[in-house]
Amino acid sequence: LMRPLQGCRRRGIVVGTVTLCLAAGWALQTPGGVSLVVPQPNINATVAQNILLSVEYSCRGIATIEWKHVSSWGTTKIVEWKSGNYVNISTVYKDRVTTFENGSIQLLNVGVRDAGYYFITVTEEYGTNTYGTIIVNVYEIIYEDLHFVAVLFAFLAAVSAILICFMWLCNKSLHLFQKKTTHKLTASTTEEIELETIEC
């Protein structure tokens, strides 16, 4: 009676050990998940500036990174790539996006329409994923005010130049008029002296 029980125990120990080994192997193969850090969740930029949407992800397996832009104009997929593999940039952003291995992207020559929410999704090959968000505000440089000031300055400079020329001409005319008057007075005085001499 004792022998069959010992055989069952041995089988139980073997099955338990195999199960434990399989569980440990599965635990080692199963990814520990994906972690994502977004150091700067808010970015302020001006029109025509280049901005870096900086992130840092880590995972055990190969990750797929996807960026989307959401604004009042709608949702646009910017880029998707697999680490060490393909990069698929949408046609709207073709010449404006640079991708980096850590998951970051750089947007070149931003405009007002680039303001909004930028969502990054990092998906590990085993299906685990994580998300991050960056808010971008894009401000216009008010060229109209600067243009108005420049035009006003040019106008005032032109008016000043015209007034200076006018004053110079007036001064020259007055000087010439004074010379002619002096010359006439000198001539008439000479005539009077001559007449007085003749009379005498």
C-alpha atoms as a PDB file:
ATOM      1  CA  LEU A   1       0.000   0.000   0.000  1.00  0.00           C
ATOM      2  CA  MET A   2       2.838   2.338   0.706  1.00  0.00           C
ATOM      3  CA  ARG A   3       4.559   1.937  -2.667  1.00  0.00           C
ATOM      4  CA  PRO A   4       1.733   3.244  -4.856  1.00  0.00           C
ATOM      5  CA  LEU A   5       1.437   6.327  -2.637  1.00  0.00           C
ATOM      6  CA  GLN A   6       5.168   7.025  -3.024  1.00  0.00           C
ATOM      7  CA  GLY A   7       4.811   6.748  -6.813  1.00  0.00           C
ATOM      8  CA  CYS A   8       1.972   9.259  -6.765  1.00  0.00           C
ATOM      9  CA  ARG A   9       4.034  11.625  -4.653  1.00  0.00           C
ATOM     10  CA  ARG A  10       6.969  11.341  -7.035  1.00  0.00           C
ATOM     11  CA  ARG A  11       4.715  12.054  -9.992  1.00  0.00           C
ATOM     12  CA  GLY A  12       3.247  15.046  -8.130  1.00  0.00           C
ATOM     13  CA  ILE A  13       6.698  16.406  -7.388  1.00  0.00           C
ATOM     14  CA  VAL A  14       7.787  15.952 -11.030  1.00  0.00           C
ATOM     15  CA  VAL A  15       4.591  17.584 -12.355  1.00  0.00           C
ATOM     16  CA  GLY A  16       4.941  20.401  -9.824  1.00  0.00           C
ATOM     17  CA  THR A  17       8.576  20.950 -10.762  1.00  0.00           C
ATOM     18  CA  VAL A  18       7.771  20.949 -14.497  1.00  0.00           C
ATOM     19  CA  THR A  19       4.872  23.347 -13.910  1.00  0.00           C
ATOM     20  CA  LEU A  20       7.106  25.626 -11.847  1.00  0.00           C
ATOM     21  CA  CYS A  21       9.814  25.588 -14.559  1.00  0.00           C
ATOM     22  CA  LEU A  22       7.251  26.342 -17.268  1.00  0.00           C
ATOM     23  CA  ALA A  23       5.794  29.173 -15.194  1.00  0.00           C
ATOM     24  CA  ALA A  24       9.261  30.612 -14.583  1.00  0.00           C
ATOM     25  CA  GLY A  25      10.114  30.354 -18.274  1.00  0.00           C
ATOM     26  CA  TRP A  26       6.818  31.965 -19.212  1.00  0.00           C
ATOM     27  CA  ALA A  27       7.452  34.748 -16.687  1.00  0.00           C
ATOM     28  CA  LEU A  28      10.898  35.371 -18.157  1.00  0.00           C
ATOM     29  CA  GLN A  29       9.573  35.415 -21.716  1.00  0.00           C
ATOM     30  CA  THR A  30       6.545  37.545 -20.924  1.00  0.00           C
ATOM     31  CA  PRO A  31       7.473  41.201 -21.227  1.00  0.00           C
ATOM     32  CA  GLY A  32       7.611  43.372 -18.154  1.00  0.00           C
ATOM     33  CA  GLY A  33       5.484  45.955 -19.975  1.00  0.00           C
ATOM     34  CA  VAL A  34       6.355  49.240 -21.593  1.00  0.00           C
ATOM     35  CA  SER A  35       7.368  52.359 -19.709  1.00  0.00           C
ATOM     36  CA  LEU A  36       7.144  55.847 -21.179  1.00  0.00           C
ATOM     37  CA  VAL A  37       8.411  59.143 -19.786  1.00  0.00           C
ATOM     38  CA  VAL A  38       7.274  62.537 -21.155  1.00  0.00           C
ATOM     39  CA  PRO A  39       9.661  65.132 -19.654  1.00  0.00           C
ATOM     40  CA  GLN A  40       7.931  68.184 -21.156  1.00  0.00           C
ATOM     41  CA  PRO A  41       4.139  67.732 -21.443  1.00  0.00           C
ATOM     42  CA  ASN A  42       3.543  71.400 -22.457  1.00  0.00           C
ATOM     43  CA  ILE A  43       5.417  73.169 -25.254  1.00  0.00           C
ATOM     44  CA  ASN A  44       5.035  76.818 -26.279  1.00  0.00           C
ATOM     45  CA  ALA A  45       6.340  77.766 -29.716  1.00  0.00           C
ATOM     46  CA  THR A  46       6.111  80.578 -32.246  1.00  0.00           C
ATOM     47  CA  VAL A  47       5.272  80.248 -35.922  1.00  0.00           C
ATOM     48  CA  ALA A  48       8.125  78.895 -38.131  1.00  0.00           C
ATOM     49  CA  GLN A  49       9.997  77.466 -35.115  1.00  0.00           C
ATOM     50  CA  ASN A  50      11.238  73.838 -34.893  1.00  0.00           C
ATOM     51  CA  ILE A  51       9.995  71.908 -31.858  1.00  0.00           C
ATOM     52  CA  LEU A  52      11.081  68.640 -30.241  1.00  0.00           C
ATOM     53  CA  LEU A  53       8.350  66.385 -28.844  1.00  0.00           C
ATOM     54  CA  SER A  54      10.611  64.609 -26.394  1.00  0.00           C
ATOM     55  CA  VAL A  55       9.814  61.206 -24.868  1.00  0.00           C
ATOM     56  CA  GLU A  56      11.782  58.220 -23.596  1.00  0.00           C
ATOM     57  CA  TYR A  57      10.401  54.684 -23.709  1.00  0.00           C
ATOM     58  CA  SER A  58      11.776  51.335 -22.607  1.00  0.00           C
ATOM     59  CA  CYS A  59      10.590  47.776 -23.176  1.00  0.00           C
ATOM     60  CA  ARG A  60      12.038  44.278 -23.481  1.00  0.00           C
ATOM     61  CA  GLY A  61      10.854  43.480 -26.978  1.00  0.00           C
ATOM     62  CA  ILE A  62      10.586  45.356 -30.241  1.00  0.00           C
ATOM     63  CA  ALA A  63       8.234  48.333 -29.974  1.00  0.00           C
ATOM     64  CA  THR A  64       6.011  50.087 -32.486  1.00  0.00           C
ATOM     65  CA  ILE A  65       5.768  53.850 -31.965  1.00  0.00           C
ATOM     66  CA  GLU A  66       2.850  55.881 -33.308  1.00  0.00           C
ATOM     67  CA  TRP A  67       2.268  59.649 -33.095  1.00  0.00           C
ATOM     68  CA  LYS A  68      -1.088  61.367 -33.733  1.00  0.00           C
ATOM     69  CA  HIS A  69      -2.083  65.026 -33.719  1.00  0.00           C
ATOM     70  CA  VAL A  70      -5.532  66.013 -32.437  1.00  0.00           C
ATOM     71  CA  SER A  71      -6.818  69.570 -32.832  1.00  0.00           C
ATOM     72  CA  SER A  72      -9.980  71.478 -33.721  1.00  0.00           C
ATOM     73  CA  TRP A  73      -9.201  70.620 -37.372  1.00  0.00           C
ATOM     74  CA  GLY A  74      -9.390  66.880 -36.662  1.00  0.00           C
ATOM     75  CA  THR A  75      -7.105  63.914 -35.978  1.00  0.00           C
ATOM     76  CA  THR A  76      -4.053  63.259 -38.142  1.00  0.00           C
ATOM     77  CA  LYS A  77      -1.650  60.344 -37.960  1.00  0.00           C
ATOM     78  CA  ILE A  78       1.853  61.789 -38.135  1.00  0.00           C
ATOM     79  CA  VAL A  79       4.212  58.839 -38.133  1.00  0.00           C
ATOM     80  CA  GLU A  80       4.504  55.179 -37.186  1.00  0.00           C
ATOM     81  CA  TRP A  81       7.661  53.120 -36.962  1.00  0.00           C
ATOM     82  CA  LYS A  82       9.051  49.934 -35.495  1.00  0.00           C
ATOM     83  CA  SER A  83      12.329  50.240 -33.614  1.00  0.00           C
ATOM     84  CA  GLY A  84      15.200  49.315 -35.899  1.00  0.00           C
ATOM     85  CA  ASN A  85      12.801  48.782 -38.796  1.00  0.00           C
ATOM     86  CA  TYR A  86      10.467  50.731 -41.096  1.00  0.00           C
ATOM     87  CA  VAL A  87       9.337  54.366 -40.721  1.00  0.00           C
ATOM     88  CA  ASN A  88       5.971  55.385 -42.175  1.00  0.00           C
ATOM     89  CA  ILE A  89       5.464  59.172 -42.242  1.00  0.00           C
ATOM     90  CA  SER A  90       2.119  60.529 -43.459  1.00  0.00           C
ATOM     91  CA  THR A  91       2.215  62.687 -46.612  1.00  0.00           C
ATOM     92  CA  VAL A  92       1.067  65.794 -44.692  1.00  0.00           C
ATOM     93  CA  TYR A  93       4.231  65.642 -42.554  1.00  0.00           C
ATOM     94  CA  LYS A  94       6.605  64.113 -45.145  1.00  0.00           C
ATOM     95  CA  ASP A  95       9.306  66.813 -45.095  1.00  0.00           C
ATOM     96  CA  ARG A  96       8.580  68.149 -41.613  1.00  0.00           C
ATOM     97  CA  VAL A  97       9.196  65.227 -39.238  1.00  0.00           C
ATOM     98  CA  THR A  98      12.388  63.672 -37.901  1.00  0.00           C
ATOM     99  CA  THR A  99      12.142  60.507 -35.779  1.00  0.00           C
ATOM    100  CA  PHE A 100      14.482  59.408 -32.997  1.00  0.00           C
ATOM    101  CA  GLU A 101      15.229  55.967 -31.529  1.00  0.00           C
ATOM    102  CA  ASN A 102      13.935  56.951 -28.081  1.00  0.00           C
ATOM    103  CA  GLY A 103      10.466  57.648 -29.548  1.00  0.00           C
ATOM    104  CA  SER A 104      10.822  61.431 -29.823  1.00  0.00           C
ATOM    105  CA  ILE A 105       9.970  63.371 -32.967  1.00  0.00           C
ATOM    106  CA  GLN A 106      10.957  66.813 -34.198  1.00  0.00           C
ATOM    107  CA  LEU A 107       8.484  69.005 -36.073  1.00  0.00           C
ATOM    108  CA  LEU A 108       9.997  71.541 -38.436  1.00  0.00           C
ATOM    109  CA  ASN A 109       8.556  74.949 -39.315  1.00  0.00           C
ATOM    110  CA  VAL A 110       5.426  74.786 -37.147  1.00  0.00           C
ATOM    111  CA  GLY A 111       2.320  76.798 -37.963  1.00  0.00           C
ATOM    112  CA  VAL A 112      -0.826  77.753 -36.078  1.00  0.00           C
ATOM    113  CA  ARG A 113      -2.512  74.554 -37.305  1.00  0.00           C
ATOM    114  CA  ASP A 114       0.164  72.510 -35.503  1.00  0.00           C
ATOM    115  CA  ALA A 115      -1.203  73.570 -32.114  1.00  0.00           C
ATOM    116  CA  GLY A 116      -3.115  70.910 -30.205  1.00  0.00           C
ATOM    117  CA  TYR A 117      -2.606  67.532 -28.547  1.00  0.00           C
ATOM    118  CA  TYR A 118       0.080  65.075 -29.628  1.00  0.00           C
ATOM    119  CA  PHE A 119      -0.548  61.466 -28.604  1.00  0.00           C
ATOM    120  CA  ILE A 120       2.165  58.827 -28.626  1.00  0.00           C
ATOM    121  CA  THR A 121       1.355  55.130 -28.397  1.00  0.00           C
ATOM    122  CA  VAL A 122       4.162  52.645 -27.759  1.00  0.00           C
ATOM    123  CA  THR A 123       3.101  49.033 -28.406  1.00  0.00           C
ATOM    124  CA  GLU A 124       5.360  46.116 -27.549  1.00  0.00           C
ATOM    125  CA  GLU A 125       5.416  43.080 -29.837  1.00  0.00           C
ATOM    126  CA  TYR A 126       3.605  41.047 -27.164  1.00  0.00           C
ATOM    127  CA  GLY A 127       0.668  43.474 -27.209  1.00  0.00           C
ATOM    128  CA  THR A 128       1.421  45.584 -24.147  1.00  0.00           C
ATOM    129  CA  ASN A 129       1.130  49.306 -24.796  1.00  0.00           C
ATOM    130  CA  THR A 130       1.390  52.680 -23.103  1.00  0.00           C
ATOM    131  CA  TYR A 131       0.340  56.222 -23.989  1.00  0.00           C
ATOM    132  CA  GLY A 132       1.653  59.746 -23.584  1.00  0.00           C
ATOM    133  CA  THR A 133       0.362  63.239 -24.379  1.00  0.00           C
ATOM    134  CA  ILE A 134       2.081  66.530 -25.178  1.00  0.00           C
ATOM    135  CA  ILE A 135       0.163  69.811 -25.520  1.00  0.00           C
ATOM    136  CA  VAL A 136       1.616  72.256 -28.051  1.00  0.00           C
ATOM    137  CA  ASN A 137       0.683  75.947 -28.193  1.00  0.00           C
ATOM    138  CA  VAL A 138       1.789  77.882 -31.286  1.00  0.00           C
ATOM    139  CA  TYR A 139       1.729  81.682 -31.194  1.00  0.00           C
ATOM    140  CA  GLU A 140       1.896  84.076 -34.131  1.00  0.00           C
ATOM    141  CA  ILE A 141       4.431  86.869 -34.175  1.00  0.00           C
ATOM    142  CA  ILE A 142       2.304  89.969 -34.741  1.00  0.00           C
ATOM    143  CA  TYR A 143       3.957  91.189 -37.909  1.00  0.00           C
ATOM    144  CA  GLU A 144       1.079  93.606 -38.583  1.00  0.00           C
ATOM    145  CA  ASP A 145       2.019  95.771 -35.596  1.00  0.00           C
ATOM    146  CA  LEU A 146       5.696  95.676 -36.532  1.00  0.00           C
ATOM    147  CA  HIS A 147       4.756  96.481 -40.122  1.00  0.00           C
ATOM    148  CA  PHE A 148       2.678  99.461 -38.983  1.00  0.00           C
ATOM    149  CA  VAL A 149       5.557 100.789 -36.861  1.00  0.00           C
ATOM    150  CA  ALA A 150       8.007 100.333 -39.762  1.00  0.00           C
ATOM    151  CA  VAL A 151       5.693 102.130 -42.205  1.00  0.00           C
ATOM    152  CA  LEU A 152       5.068 104.954 -39.723  1.00  0.00           C
ATOM    153  CA  PHE A 153       8.812 105.316 -39.115  1.00  0.00           C
ATOM    154  CA  ALA A 154       9.511 105.401 -42.882  1.00  0.00           C
ATOM    155  CA  PHE A 155       6.740 107.988 -43.380  1.00  0.00           C
ATOM    156  CA  LEU A 156       8.070 110.218 -40.605  1.00  0.00           C
ATOM    157  CA  ALA A 157      11.619 109.893 -41.981  1.00  0.00           C
ATOM    158  CA  ALA A 158      10.386 110.885 -45.463  1.00  0.00           C
ATOM    159  CA  VAL A 159       8.435 113.878 -44.087  1.00  0.00           C
ATOM    160  CA  SER A 160      11.497 114.950 -42.074  1.00  0.00           C
ATOM    161  CA  ALA A 161      13.699 114.718 -45.177  1.00  0.00           C
ATOM    162  CA  ILE A 162      11.214 116.770 -47.218  1.00  0.00           C
ATOM    163  CA  LEU A 163      10.987 119.424 -44.477  1.00  0.00           C
ATOM    164  CA  ILE A 164      14.789 119.607 -44.230  1.00  0.00           C
ATOM    165  CA  CYS A 165      15.057 120.037 -48.015  1.00  0.00           C
ATOM    166  CA  PHE A 166      12.302 122.685 -47.941  1.00  0.00           C
ATOM    167  CA  MET A 167      14.054 124.590 -45.141  1.00  0.00           C
ATOM    168  CA  TRP A 168      17.367 124.381 -47.035  1.00  0.00           C
ATOM    169  CA  LEU A 169      15.717 125.750 -50.196  1.00  0.00           C
ATOM    170  CA  CYS A 170      14.033 128.534 -48.202  1.00  0.00           C
ATOM    171  CA  ASN A 171      17.352 129.424 -46.607  1.00  0.00           C
ATOM    172  CA  LYS A 172      19.099 129.490 -50.017  1.00  0.00           C
ATOM    173  CA  SER A 173      16.316 131.617 -51.554  1.00  0.00           C
ATOM    174  CA  LEU A 174      16.428 134.048 -48.637  1.00  0.00           C
ATOM    175  CA  HIS A 175      20.202 134.270 -48.928  1.00  0.00           C
ATOM    176  CA  LEU A 176      19.979 134.968 -52.688  1.00  0.00           C
ATOM    177  CA  PHE A 177      17.214 137.536 -52.092  1.00  0.00           C
ATOM    178  CA  GLN A 178      19.366 139.275 -49.467  1.00  0.00           C
ATOM    179  CA  LYS A 179      22.324 139.386 -51.899  1.00  0.00           C
ATOM    180  CA  LYS A 180      20.179 140.895 -54.673  1.00  0.00           C
ATOM    181  CA  THR A 181      18.684 143.460 -52.275  1.00  0.00           C
ATOM    182  CA  THR A 182      22.133 144.408 -51.001  1.00  0.00           C
ATOM    183  CA  HIS A 183      23.419 144.672 -54.582  1.00  0.00           C
ATOM    184  CA  LYS A 184      20.470 146.898 -55.580  1.00  0.00           C
ATOM    185  CA  LEU A 185      20.958 149.077 -52.520  1.00  0.00           C
ATOM    186  CA  THR A 186      24.645 149.416 -53.296  1.00  0.00           C
ATOM    187  CA  ALA A 187      23.857 150.320 -56.922  1.00  0.00           C
ATOM    188  CA  SER A 188      21.240 152.919 -55.938  1.00  0.00           C
ATOM    189  CA  THR A 189      23.565 154.442 -53.307  1.00  0.00           C
ATOM    190  CA  THR A 190      26.306 154.696 -55.929  1.00  0.00           C
ATOM    191  CA  GLU A 191      23.867 156.394 -58.327  1.00  0.00           C
ATOM    192  CA  GLU A 192      22.824 158.877 -55.633  1.00  0.00           C
ATOM    193  CA  ILE A 193      26.471 159.691 -54.891  1.00  0.00           C
ATOM    194  CA  GLU A 194      27.147 160.169 -58.573  1.00  0.00           C
ATOM    195  CA  LEU A 195      24.085 162.421 -58.908  1.00  0.00           C
ATOM    196  CA  GLU A 196      25.152 164.456 -55.891  1.00  0.00           C
ATOM    197  CA  THR A 197      28.631 164.810 -57.372  1.00  0.00           C
ATOM    198  CA  ILE A 198      27.184 165.973 -60.713  1.00  0.00           C
ATOM    199  CA  GLU A 199      24.888 168.462 -59.000  1.00  0.00           C
ATOM    200  CA  CYS A 200      27.753 169.892 -57.055  1.00  0.00           C
END
